[in-house]
Amino acid sequence: MRLSAEVMRIFQRKLDRRSLLKAAMLAVGGCIFPYTAFGALGEQLPPDRSLSLYNLHTEENLKTVYWSRGEYIPEALVDINCILRDHRTGEITSIDKRLLDLLYAIARRLGTKDPFKIISGYRSPSTNALLRKRSSGVAKGSLHQQGKAVDIRVPGCELSSLRNAAIALKGGGVGYYPTSHFVHIDVGRVRYW
């Protein structure tokens, strides 16, 4: 039995809508659960995830496995929270685990084991207000205040390559500041500036 041309067109439109819906769901999933989406693309995830960080203001180094055997390691998270603290006030907050996973994914995408150089991690509300007085580029509701953003650079990596890696992962916002020599990444909504 042959389907009429009209029936075939309707069937094809439904397939196109289904394909579009499936692609949209994968994209949304990649935004909400960026690391899970990487695995869906066929990448084998290692049993451990580690980060190497260097705080430019405090000159502290940290290289730690923060996730192992399917779980975040509480002691490592404490160390990460500490190195990403507000260096002006000493205040510490919990850094969003999705941000850690995004940093890990960026390092893998770049193929680097060099430490992320941290310009700014967590910012207390008082620090954020101070920085807003000095610069129009500081958002009043900055995600730095929630432990969901970090400003970074990577030794030996072109800033534009770092920006492109972060954009490709679609894990949140990516700000490009070539004159200040850093890239802002966050786990808020996907947007670029």
Protein backbone atom coordinates (compact mmCIF):
# COMPACT_ATOMS: atom_id res chain seq x y z
CA MET A 1 0.00 0.00 0.00
CA ARG A 2 1.38 3.42 -0.98
CA LEU A 3 0.84 6.57 1.05
CA SER A 4 -0.39 9.62 -0.76
CA ALA A 5 1.97 12.57 -1.21
CA GLU A 6 -0.12 14.63 1.26
CA VAL A 7 0.06 11.92 3.94
CA MET A 8 3.83 11.66 3.40
CA ARG A 9 4.25 15.44 3.86
CA ILE A 10 2.25 15.34 7.12
CA PHE A 11 4.28 12.35 8.33
CA GLN A 12 7.54 14.13 7.44
CA ARG A 13 6.46 17.30 9.31
CA LYS A 14 5.75 15.22 12.42
CA LEU A 15 9.18 13.61 12.15
CA ASP A 16 10.77 17.02 11.75
CA ARG A 17 8.94 18.31 14.83
CA ARG A 18 9.99 15.22 16.80
CA SER A 19 13.60 15.66 15.73
CA LEU A 20 13.47 19.33 16.63
CA LEU A 21 11.91 18.56 20.01
CA LYS A 22 14.51 15.89 20.74
CA ALA A 23 17.35 18.28 19.82
CA ALA A 24 15.82 21.01 21.99
CA MET A 25 15.55 18.62 24.96
CA LEU A 26 19.21 17.63 24.58
CA ALA A 27 20.20 21.29 24.43
CA VAL A 28 18.19 22.14 27.54
CA GLY A 29 19.64 19.12 29.31
CA GLY A 30 23.11 20.32 28.37
CA CYS A 31 22.39 23.66 30.00
CA ILE A 32 20.94 22.24 33.18
CA PHE A 33 23.22 19.21 33.51
CA PRO A 34 26.25 20.07 31.37
CA TYR A 35 28.40 17.16 32.42
CA THR A 36 25.64 14.61 31.88
CA ALA A 37 25.19 15.95 28.37
CA PHE A 38 28.88 15.40 27.60
CA GLY A 39 28.47 11.73 28.48
CA ALA A 40 25.42 11.55 26.21
CA LEU A 41 27.65 12.60 23.34
CA GLY A 42 29.68 9.42 23.78
CA GLU A 43 32.53 10.74 25.90
CA GLN A 44 33.62 8.25 28.55
CA LEU A 45 33.79 9.93 31.92
CA PRO A 46 36.77 9.13 34.09
CA PRO A 47 36.11 7.68 37.54
CA ASP A 48 37.62 10.76 39.20
CA ARG A 49 37.35 14.48 38.50
CA SER A 50 40.07 16.84 39.64
CA LEU A 51 40.80 20.54 39.52
CA SER A 52 43.99 22.53 39.71
CA LEU A 53 43.54 26.12 40.92
CA TYR A 54 45.89 29.02 41.63
CA ASN A 55 44.53 32.14 43.33
CA LEU A 56 46.39 35.17 41.95
CA HIS A 57 45.56 37.31 45.00
CA THR A 58 46.47 34.92 47.79
CA GLU A 59 49.09 32.92 45.83
CA GLU A 60 47.52 29.70 47.08
CA ASN A 61 47.65 26.52 44.99
CA LEU A 62 45.24 23.64 45.09
CA LYS A 63 45.22 20.42 43.13
CA THR A 64 42.49 18.09 44.29
CA VAL A 65 40.24 15.24 43.26
CA TYR A 66 36.80 16.63 44.12
CA TRP A 67 34.61 13.84 42.74
CA SER A 68 35.23 10.10 42.92
CA ARG A 69 33.15 6.95 42.55
CA GLY A 70 30.03 8.92 41.75
CA GLU A 71 30.23 11.29 44.71
CA TYR A 72 31.60 14.70 45.56
CA ILE A 73 34.33 14.59 48.20
CA PRO A 74 33.36 16.88 51.10
CA GLU A 75 36.95 17.61 52.19
CA ALA A 76 37.91 18.65 48.66
CA LEU A 77 34.85 20.90 48.41
CA VAL A 78 35.90 22.65 51.63
CA ASP A 79 39.37 23.26 50.15
CA ILE A 80 37.88 24.59 46.90
CA ASN A 81 35.50 26.87 48.81
CA CYS A 82 38.50 28.22 50.71
CA ILE A 83 40.71 28.96 47.69
CA LEU A 84 37.77 30.62 45.90
CA ARG A 85 36.87 32.76 48.93
CA ASP A 86 36.48 36.52 48.79
CA HIS A 87 40.13 37.52 49.16
CA ARG A 88 39.17 41.02 50.31
CA THR A 89 37.03 39.99 53.28
CA GLY A 90 38.06 36.38 53.84
CA GLU A 91 34.42 35.29 53.60
CA ILE A 92 33.82 31.76 52.34
CA THR A 93 30.71 30.28 50.74
CA SER A 94 29.82 26.99 49.11
CA ILE A 95 30.80 27.02 45.47
CA ASP A 96 28.15 25.55 43.19
CA LYS A 97 29.20 22.02 42.20
CA ARG A 98 28.00 22.65 38.65
CA LEU A 99 30.66 25.36 38.39
CA LEU A 100 33.31 22.85 39.42
CA ASP A 101 32.06 20.39 36.81
CA LEU A 102 32.09 23.13 34.20
CA LEU A 103 35.69 24.05 35.05
CA TYR A 104 36.61 20.37 34.83
CA ALA A 105 34.91 20.06 31.44
CA ILE A 106 36.70 23.19 30.16
CA ALA A 107 40.08 21.79 31.23
CA ARG A 108 39.31 18.51 29.42
CA ARG A 109 38.15 20.34 26.32
CA LEU A 110 41.36 22.40 26.29
CA GLY A 111 43.45 19.33 27.03
CA THR A 112 45.29 21.10 29.83
CA LYS A 113 46.41 20.08 33.28
CA ASP A 114 47.68 23.59 34.03
CA PRO A 115 45.94 25.33 36.91
CA PHE A 116 43.13 27.77 36.37
CA LYS A 117 44.40 31.15 37.49
CA ILE A 118 41.65 32.64 39.62
CA ILE A 119 41.04 36.37 39.35
CA SER A 120 37.72 36.31 41.21
CA GLY A 121 35.67 33.52 42.74
CA TYR A 122 33.16 34.20 45.47
CA ARG A 123 32.39 37.86 46.20
CA SER A 124 30.64 39.01 49.32
CA PRO A 125 27.86 41.56 48.82
CA SER A 126 30.14 44.27 50.30
CA THR A 127 32.95 43.42 47.87
CA ASN A 128 30.54 43.35 44.96
CA ALA A 129 29.19 46.79 45.95
CA LEU A 130 32.76 48.14 46.18
CA LEU A 131 33.63 46.79 42.73
CA ARG A 132 30.40 48.22 41.27
CA LYS A 133 31.48 51.69 42.43
CA ARG A 134 34.78 51.25 40.57
CA SER A 135 33.46 49.65 37.37
CA SER A 136 30.27 49.67 35.34
CA GLY A 137 31.02 46.06 34.28
CA VAL A 138 30.10 44.59 37.67
CA ALA A 139 26.52 43.36 37.90
CA LYS A 140 24.44 44.29 40.93
CA GLY A 141 23.12 40.73 41.17
CA SER A 142 26.44 39.11 40.22
CA LEU A 143 26.48 35.33 40.36
CA HIS A 144 29.86 35.64 42.09
CA GLN A 145 27.84 36.50 45.21
CA GLN A 146 26.16 33.08 45.04
CA GLY A 147 29.30 31.02 44.40
CA LYS A 148 28.13 30.40 40.82
CA ALA A 149 30.77 32.35 38.89
CA VAL A 150 34.53 32.58 38.50
CA ASP A 151 36.88 34.79 36.48
CA ILE A 152 39.81 32.79 35.10
CA ARG A 153 42.70 32.45 32.71
CA VAL A 154 44.87 29.42 31.88
CA PRO A 155 48.65 29.64 31.40
CA GLY A 156 49.71 28.99 27.84
CA CYS A 157 46.14 29.12 26.55
CA GLU A 158 44.91 31.90 24.33
CA LEU A 159 42.10 33.77 26.04
CA SER A 160 39.94 33.37 22.93
CA SER A 161 40.45 29.57 23.05
CA LEU A 162 39.35 29.55 26.69
CA ARG A 163 36.28 31.60 25.80
CA ASN A 164 35.45 29.34 22.85
CA ALA A 165 35.77 26.19 24.99
CA ALA A 166 33.40 27.64 27.59
CA ILE A 167 30.90 28.74 24.93
CA ALA A 168 30.96 25.33 23.24
CA LEU A 169 29.96 23.62 26.50
CA LYS A 170 26.87 25.82 26.93
CA GLY A 171 27.06 25.47 30.70
CA GLY A 172 26.08 29.06 31.51
CA GLY A 173 27.26 32.60 30.93
CA VAL A 174 30.59 33.44 29.33
CA GLY A 175 32.08 36.93 29.47
CA TYR A 176 35.19 37.82 27.46
CA TYR A 177 37.50 40.50 28.86
CA PRO A 178 40.62 40.56 26.66
CA THR A 179 41.91 43.91 27.94
CA SER A 180 41.74 42.62 31.53
CA HIS A 181 43.04 39.18 30.49
CA PHE A 182 40.31 36.94 31.84
CA VAL A 183 37.17 35.03 30.95
CA HIS A 184 34.13 35.02 33.23
CA ILE A 185 32.18 31.78 33.43
CA ASP A 186 29.07 31.06 35.44
CA VAL A 187 26.33 28.48 35.76
CA GLY A 188 23.47 30.90 35.24
CA ARG A 189 21.49 31.00 32.03
CA VAL A 190 23.42 30.57 28.78
CA ARG A 191 24.48 33.99 27.43
CA TYR A 192 27.61 35.61 26.03
CA TRP A 193 29.16 39.05 26.18
